Amino acid sequence: MRYEFYKPVYFRPAELVPPRFAINWYKYCDGTMLIALDRLRDRFGSITINNYLWGGNLQYAGYRPFDSGTGSNDSQHCFGRAFDLKFGSQVDLEEVISHIQSSMPEITIVRKYNWGLHIDNRNCIKQVTWRSK
């Protein structure tokens, strides 16, 4: 049996997984979410997830191994189903949220924070949006 994995058009593996997982990155990211990420970058332009490849300090904003010490062990990040997205200053996050809610049913959770959006596709019946204070 042969498997084919979705390879993102607009994202490098280092943007999605920590350094030690970059070789087999496709094993750790949900394909549905990778397609959704490509669609969002195609529509809204630059999106930062992990930025360590360019000297930044983000390495766990995509797939997050259980031993990362970041977040909880039941986080959707640990299953490759969650990503934290930082957009350019010209992007209106409310517009992104509206787009996700109206045309991306595969994204079931959207959380807005002062730094950007958390998105995931956990098992739930309807999309929920939560905004931080």
N, C-alpha and C. Protein backbone atom coordinates (compact mmCIF):
# COMPACT_ATOMS: atom_id res chain seq x y z
N MET A 1 0.84 -1.17 0.00
CA MET A 1 0.00 0.00 0.00
C MET A 1 0.89 1.25 0.00
N ARG A 2 0.50 2.22 -0.79
CA ARG A 2 1.26 3.46 -0.90
C ARG A 2 0.40 4.62 -0.43
N TYR A 3 0.97 5.50 0.36
CA TYR A 3 0.25 6.66 0.86
C TYR A 3 0.76 7.90 0.17
N GLU A 4 -0.11 8.83 -0.08
CA GLU A 4 0.27 10.13 -0.60
C GLU A 4 -0.14 11.17 0.43
N PHE A 5 0.76 12.09 0.70
CA PHE A 5 0.51 13.13 1.68
C PHE A 5 0.37 14.47 0.97
N TYR A 6 -0.45 15.34 1.54
CA TYR A 6 -0.60 16.67 0.98
C TYR A 6 0.65 17.48 1.29
N LYS A 7 1.24 18.08 0.27
CA LYS A 7 2.39 18.95 0.45
C LYS A 7 1.93 20.38 0.23
N PRO A 8 2.02 21.22 1.27
CA PRO A 8 1.54 22.59 1.13
C PRO A 8 2.24 23.35 0.00
N VAL A 9 1.49 24.19 -0.65
CA VAL A 9 2.01 25.02 -1.72
C VAL A 9 2.76 26.22 -1.15
N TYR A 10 2.23 26.79 -0.07
CA TYR A 10 2.74 28.06 0.45
C TYR A 10 3.53 27.97 1.75
N PHE A 11 3.71 26.79 2.30
CA PHE A 11 4.40 26.65 3.58
C PHE A 11 5.55 25.67 3.49
N ARG A 12 6.66 26.01 4.11
CA ARG A 12 7.78 25.08 4.25
C ARG A 12 7.56 24.24 5.51
N PRO A 13 8.12 23.05 5.58
CA PRO A 13 7.96 22.23 6.78
C PRO A 13 8.38 22.96 8.06
N ALA A 14 9.44 23.74 8.01
CA ALA A 14 9.91 24.45 9.21
C ALA A 14 8.89 25.44 9.74
N GLU A 15 7.97 25.87 8.91
CA GLU A 15 6.93 26.79 9.37
C GLU A 15 5.84 26.05 10.15
N LEU A 16 5.82 24.73 10.05
CA LEU A 16 4.73 23.94 10.61
C LEU A 16 5.11 23.07 11.79
N VAL A 17 6.38 22.67 11.87
CA VAL A 17 6.83 21.75 12.92
C VAL A 17 8.15 22.25 13.52
N PRO A 18 8.47 21.81 14.76
CA PRO A 18 9.76 22.16 15.36
C PRO A 18 10.92 21.53 14.59
N PRO A 19 12.14 22.03 14.79
CA PRO A 19 13.30 21.56 14.00
C PRO A 19 13.49 20.05 13.98
N ARG A 20 13.36 19.39 15.10
CA ARG A 20 13.65 17.95 15.13
C ARG A 20 12.62 17.10 14.39
N PHE A 21 11.50 17.70 13.98
CA PHE A 21 10.46 16.98 13.26
C PHE A 21 10.40 17.34 11.78
N ALA A 22 11.32 18.17 11.33
CA ALA A 22 11.26 18.70 9.96
C ALA A 22 11.44 17.63 8.88
N ILE A 23 12.20 16.58 9.16
CA ILE A 23 12.45 15.56 8.14
C ILE A 23 11.17 14.79 7.80
N ASN A 24 10.44 14.36 8.79
CA ASN A 24 9.20 13.61 8.57
C ASN A 24 7.98 14.45 8.93
N TRP A 25 8.02 15.72 8.64
CA TRP A 25 7.00 16.69 9.04
C TRP A 25 5.59 16.25 8.68
N TYR A 26 5.41 15.61 7.53
CA TYR A 26 4.08 15.23 7.01
C TYR A 26 3.37 14.22 7.89
N LYS A 27 4.10 13.53 8.75
CA LYS A 27 3.50 12.57 9.67
C LYS A 27 2.80 13.26 10.84
N TYR A 28 3.12 14.53 11.05
CA TYR A 28 2.67 15.22 12.25
C TYR A 28 1.61 16.28 12.00
N CYS A 29 1.25 16.53 10.75
CA CYS A 29 0.29 17.59 10.43
C CYS A 29 -0.93 17.01 9.74
N ASP A 30 -2.08 17.41 10.20
CA ASP A 30 -3.34 16.98 9.61
C ASP A 30 -3.48 17.57 8.21
N GLY A 31 -3.73 16.72 7.23
CA GLY A 31 -3.83 17.15 5.84
C GLY A 31 -4.93 18.16 5.59
N THR A 32 -6.05 17.99 6.26
CA THR A 32 -7.15 18.94 6.12
C THR A 32 -6.72 20.34 6.55
N MET A 33 -5.97 20.40 7.63
CA MET A 33 -5.50 21.70 8.11
C MET A 33 -4.45 22.29 7.17
N LEU A 34 -3.61 21.46 6.58
CA LEU A 34 -2.61 21.97 5.64
C LEU A 34 -3.28 22.60 4.42
N ILE A 35 -4.33 21.98 3.95
CA ILE A 35 -5.08 22.56 2.83
C ILE A 35 -5.71 23.89 3.25
N ALA A 36 -6.28 23.92 4.45
CA ALA A 36 -6.90 25.15 4.96
C ALA A 36 -5.85 26.26 5.10
N LEU A 37 -4.66 25.92 5.58
CA LEU A 37 -3.60 26.92 5.71
C LEU A 37 -3.22 27.50 4.35
N ASP A 38 -3.09 26.64 3.35
CA ASP A 38 -2.79 27.12 2.00
C ASP A 38 -3.88 28.06 1.50
N ARG A 39 -5.12 27.69 1.73
CA ARG A 39 -6.24 28.55 1.29
C ARG A 39 -6.19 29.91 1.98
N LEU A 40 -5.87 29.92 3.27
CA LEU A 40 -5.80 31.19 4.00
C LEU A 40 -4.65 32.06 3.51
N ARG A 41 -3.48 31.45 3.28
CA ARG A 41 -2.34 32.24 2.81
C ARG A 41 -2.59 32.74 1.39
N ASP A 42 -3.25 31.94 0.58
CA ASP A 42 -3.58 32.38 -0.78
C ASP A 42 -4.50 33.59 -0.75
N ARG A 43 -5.43 33.59 0.18
CA ARG A 43 -6.41 34.68 0.26
C ARG A 43 -5.90 35.92 0.99
N PHE A 44 -5.16 35.72 2.11
CA PHE A 44 -4.81 36.85 2.97
C PHE A 44 -3.32 37.21 2.96
N GLY A 45 -2.52 36.49 2.20
CA GLY A 45 -1.10 36.81 2.11
C GLY A 45 -0.29 36.20 3.23
N SER A 46 0.76 36.87 3.60
CA SER A 46 1.72 36.37 4.56
C SER A 46 1.07 35.97 5.89
N ILE A 47 1.39 34.76 6.32
CA ILE A 47 0.96 34.25 7.63
C ILE A 47 2.20 33.64 8.27
N THR A 48 2.46 34.02 9.50
CA THR A 48 3.58 33.44 10.24
C THR A 48 3.03 32.41 11.21
N ILE A 49 3.63 31.22 11.19
CA ILE A 49 3.33 30.20 12.19
C ILE A 49 4.63 30.04 13.00
N ASN A 50 5.52 29.16 12.59
CA ASN A 50 6.85 29.08 13.19
C ASN A 50 7.80 29.97 12.40
N ASN A 51 8.73 30.62 13.11
CA ASN A 51 9.67 31.50 12.41
C ASN A 51 11.13 31.24 12.79
N TYR A 52 11.43 30.12 13.43
CA TYR A 52 12.80 29.84 13.86
C TYR A 52 13.78 29.75 12.70
N LEU A 53 13.31 29.37 11.53
CA LEU A 53 14.18 29.25 10.36
C LEU A 53 14.79 30.61 9.99
N TRP A 54 14.09 31.68 10.34
CA TRP A 54 14.55 33.04 10.03
C TRP A 54 15.04 33.77 11.27
N GLY A 55 15.42 33.02 12.32
CA GLY A 55 15.97 33.62 13.53
C GLY A 55 14.94 34.01 14.58
N GLY A 56 13.67 33.68 14.35
CA GLY A 56 12.63 33.99 15.32
C GLY A 56 12.58 32.98 16.44
N ASN A 57 11.71 33.22 17.41
CA ASN A 57 11.64 32.34 18.59
C ASN A 57 10.44 31.39 18.57
N LEU A 58 9.69 31.34 17.48
CA LEU A 58 8.51 30.48 17.42
C LEU A 58 8.84 29.13 16.79
N GLN A 59 8.61 28.06 17.56
CA GLN A 59 8.79 26.72 17.01
C GLN A 59 7.65 25.77 17.36
N TYR A 60 6.75 26.21 18.23
CA TYR A 60 5.64 25.35 18.64
C TYR A 60 4.27 25.95 18.31
N ALA A 61 4.19 26.81 17.31
CA ALA A 61 2.91 27.42 16.93
C ALA A 61 2.13 26.53 15.97
N GLY A 62 2.75 25.47 15.48
CA GLY A 62 2.08 24.48 14.66
C GLY A 62 2.03 23.18 15.44
N TYR A 63 2.58 22.11 14.85
CA TYR A 63 2.66 20.84 15.59
C TYR A 63 3.49 21.06 16.85
N ARG A 64 3.01 20.51 17.95
CA ARG A 64 3.67 20.68 19.25
C ARG A 64 3.80 19.32 19.91
N PRO A 65 5.03 18.80 20.01
CA PRO A 65 5.19 17.48 20.63
C PRO A 65 4.79 17.52 22.11
N PHE A 66 4.38 16.36 22.62
CA PHE A 66 3.94 16.27 24.01
C PHE A 66 5.00 16.75 24.99
N ASP A 67 6.27 16.57 24.67
CA ASP A 67 7.35 16.94 25.59
C ASP A 67 7.84 18.38 25.39
N SER A 68 7.09 19.20 24.70
CA SER A 68 7.53 20.57 24.40
C SER A 68 7.52 21.48 25.62
N GLY A 69 6.72 21.14 26.63
CA GLY A 69 6.59 22.01 27.80
C GLY A 69 5.72 23.23 27.52
N THR A 70 5.06 23.24 26.36
CA THR A 70 4.20 24.36 25.97
C THR A 70 2.77 23.87 25.87
N GLY A 71 1.85 24.55 26.52
CA GLY A 71 0.44 24.18 26.44
C GLY A 71 0.15 22.89 27.19
N SER A 72 -1.03 22.36 26.94
CA SER A 72 -1.46 21.14 27.62
C SER A 72 -1.25 19.92 26.73
N ASN A 73 -1.21 18.76 27.35
CA ASN A 73 -1.00 17.52 26.60
C ASN A 73 -2.21 17.09 25.78
N ASP A 74 -3.36 17.73 26.01
CA ASP A 74 -4.52 17.40 25.16
C ASP A 74 -4.79 18.51 24.14
N SER A 75 -3.84 19.40 23.96
CA SER A 75 -3.96 20.46 22.96
C SER A 75 -4.04 19.84 21.57
N GLN A 76 -4.84 20.45 20.71
CA GLN A 76 -4.93 19.97 19.33
C GLN A 76 -3.61 20.15 18.59
N HIS A 77 -2.74 21.03 19.09
CA HIS A 77 -1.40 21.18 18.51
C HIS A 77 -0.64 19.85 18.58
N CYS A 78 -0.84 19.10 19.65
CA CYS A 78 -0.12 17.84 19.84
C CYS A 78 -0.55 16.76 18.85
N PHE A 79 -1.64 17.00 18.16
CA PHE A 79 -2.14 16.05 17.18
C PHE A 79 -2.05 16.59 15.76
N GLY A 80 -1.39 17.75 15.60
CA GLY A 80 -1.23 18.35 14.28
C GLY A 80 -2.49 18.95 13.71
N ARG A 81 -3.47 19.22 14.59
CA ARG A 81 -4.75 19.76 14.15
C ARG A 81 -4.97 21.21 14.56
N ALA A 82 -3.92 21.90 15.04
CA ALA A 82 -4.07 23.30 15.46
C ALA A 82 -2.85 24.10 15.04
N PHE A 83 -3.11 25.36 14.71
CA PHE A 83 -2.04 26.27 14.29
C PHE A 83 -2.36 27.67 14.81
N ASP A 84 -1.31 28.36 15.26
CA ASP A 84 -1.43 29.75 15.68
C ASP A 84 -0.92 30.62 14.55
N LEU A 85 -1.77 31.53 14.09
CA LEU A 85 -1.48 32.32 12.90
C LEU A 85 -1.29 33.78 13.25
N LYS A 86 -0.19 34.35 12.79
CA LYS A 86 0.05 35.78 12.92
C LYS A 86 0.01 36.37 11.51
N PHE A 87 -0.81 37.38 11.33
CA PHE A 87 -1.00 38.03 10.03
C PHE A 87 -0.30 39.37 10.02
N GLY A 88 -0.08 39.89 8.81
CA GLY A 88 0.48 41.22 8.67
C GLY A 88 -0.48 42.26 9.22
N SER A 89 0.03 43.43 9.55
CA SER A 89 -0.79 44.47 10.17
C SER A 89 -1.92 44.96 9.27
N GLN A 90 -1.79 44.76 7.97
CA GLN A 90 -2.83 45.22 7.05
C GLN A 90 -4.04 44.28 7.00
N VAL A 91 -3.93 43.11 7.59
CA VAL A 91 -5.01 42.13 7.55
C VAL A 91 -5.96 42.35 8.73
N ASP A 92 -7.24 42.45 8.44
CA ASP A 92 -8.28 42.60 9.45
C ASP A 92 -8.67 41.21 9.96
N LEU A 93 -8.36 40.92 11.22
CA LEU A 93 -8.64 39.59 11.76
C LEU A 93 -10.13 39.27 11.76
N GLU A 94 -10.96 40.28 11.91
CA GLU A 94 -12.41 40.03 11.86
C GLU A 94 -12.82 39.54 10.47
N GLU A 95 -12.16 40.05 9.43
CA GLU A 95 -12.43 39.57 8.07
C GLU A 95 -11.99 38.12 7.91
N VAL A 96 -10.85 37.78 8.48
CA VAL A 96 -10.37 36.39 8.42
C VAL A 96 -11.36 35.47 9.14
N ILE A 97 -11.79 35.88 10.32
CA ILE A 97 -12.75 35.07 11.09
C ILE A 97 -14.04 34.89 10.30
N SER A 98 -14.53 35.96 9.72
CA SER A 98 -15.75 35.88 8.91
C SER A 98 -15.59 34.93 7.73
N HIS A 99 -14.45 35.01 7.08
CA HIS A 99 -14.17 34.11 5.95
C HIS A 99 -14.15 32.66 6.41
N ILE A 100 -13.47 32.39 7.53
CA ILE A 100 -13.40 31.02 8.05
C ILE A 100 -14.80 30.52 8.39
N GLN A 101 -15.58 31.33 9.06
CA GLN A 101 -16.92 30.90 9.48
C GLN A 101 -17.85 30.67 8.29
N SER A 102 -17.68 31.44 7.23
CA SER A 102 -18.62 31.33 6.11
C SER A 102 -18.21 30.31 5.05
N SER A 103 -16.90 29.99 4.97
CA SER A 103 -16.50 29.13 3.85
C SER A 103 -15.48 28.05 4.19
N MET A 104 -15.18 27.84 5.46
CA MET A 104 -14.20 26.83 5.82
C MET A 104 -14.71 25.96 6.97
N PRO A 105 -15.66 25.08 6.71
CA PRO A 105 -16.24 24.26 7.78
C PRO A 105 -15.24 23.29 8.40
N GLU A 106 -14.13 23.04 7.73
CA GLU A 106 -13.13 22.13 8.29
C GLU A 106 -12.44 22.75 9.51
N ILE A 107 -12.50 24.05 9.66
CA ILE A 107 -11.95 24.71 10.84
C ILE A 107 -13.10 24.89 11.83
N THR A 108 -13.03 24.15 12.94
CA THR A 108 -14.14 24.14 13.88
C THR A 108 -13.97 25.12 15.03
N ILE A 109 -12.75 25.53 15.31
CA ILE A 109 -12.49 26.46 16.40
C ILE A 109 -11.64 27.61 15.89
N VAL A 110 -12.04 28.83 16.21
CA VAL A 110 -11.24 30.02 15.93
C VAL A 110 -11.18 30.82 17.22
N ARG A 111 -9.98 31.10 17.68
CA ARG A 111 -9.81 31.93 18.87
C ARG A 111 -8.95 33.13 18.50
N LYS A 112 -9.44 34.29 18.84
CA LYS A 112 -8.72 35.53 18.54
C LYS A 112 -7.96 35.99 19.79
N TYR A 113 -6.69 36.30 19.58
CA TYR A 113 -5.84 36.82 20.65
C TYR A 113 -5.20 38.12 20.18
N ASN A 114 -4.50 38.80 21.06
CA ASN A 114 -3.85 40.05 20.65
C ASN A 114 -2.73 39.80 19.64
N TRP A 115 -2.20 38.61 19.55
CA TRP A 115 -1.12 38.29 18.61
C TRP A 115 -1.63 37.71 17.29
N GLY A 116 -2.90 37.26 17.22
CA GLY A 116 -3.41 36.66 15.99
C GLY A 116 -4.54 35.68 16.27
N LEU A 117 -4.59 34.59 15.50
CA LEU A 117 -5.66 33.61 15.60
C LEU A 117 -5.12 32.21 15.88
N HIS A 118 -5.84 31.49 16.72
CA HIS A 118 -5.64 30.06 16.89
C HIS A 118 -6.76 29.40 16.09
N ILE A 119 -6.41 28.43 15.24
CA ILE A 119 -7.42 27.67 14.52
C ILE A 119 -7.17 26.18 14.74
N ASP A 120 -8.25 25.42 14.78
CA ASP A 120 -8.07 23.97 14.83
C ASP A 120 -9.31 23.28 14.27
N ASN A 121 -9.17 21.97 14.11
CA ASN A 121 -10.30 21.19 13.60
C ASN A 121 -10.58 20.00 14.51
N ARG A 122 -10.76 20.31 15.77
CA ARG A 122 -11.12 19.28 16.74
C ARG A 122 -12.52 18.74 16.44
N ASN A 123 -12.83 17.64 17.04
CA ASN A 123 -14.14 17.01 16.84
C ASN A 123 -15.19 17.78 17.62
N CYS A 124 -15.94 18.59 16.90
CA CYS A 124 -17.09 19.26 17.50
C CYS A 124 -18.12 19.49 16.40
N ILE A 125 -19.33 19.70 16.79
CA ILE A 125 -20.42 19.76 15.83
C ILE A 125 -20.49 21.08 15.08
N LYS A 126 -20.22 22.18 15.74
CA LYS A 126 -20.30 23.45 15.03
C LYS A 126 -19.12 24.33 15.40
N GLN A 127 -18.84 25.23 14.52
CA GLN A 127 -17.73 26.14 14.69
C GLN A 127 -18.02 27.11 15.82
N VAL A 128 -17.03 27.31 16.65
CA VAL A 128 -17.14 28.21 17.79
C VAL A 128 -16.06 29.27 17.66
N THR A 129 -16.43 30.52 17.88
CA THR A 129 -15.44 31.58 17.89
C THR A 129 -15.35 32.15 19.28
N TRP A 130 -14.18 32.29 19.76
CA TRP A 130 -13.93 32.83 21.09
C TRP A 130 -12.91 33.93 20.97
N ARG A 131 -13.15 35.04 21.58
CA ARG A 131 -12.23 36.17 21.52
C ARG A 131 -11.67 36.42 22.91
N SER A 132 -10.35 36.54 22.97
CA SER A 132 -9.72 36.80 24.27
C SER A 132 -10.05 38.21 24.71
N LYS A 133 -9.90 38.45 26.00
CA LYS A 133 -10.17 39.79 26.55
C LYS A 133 -9.01 40.72 26.34
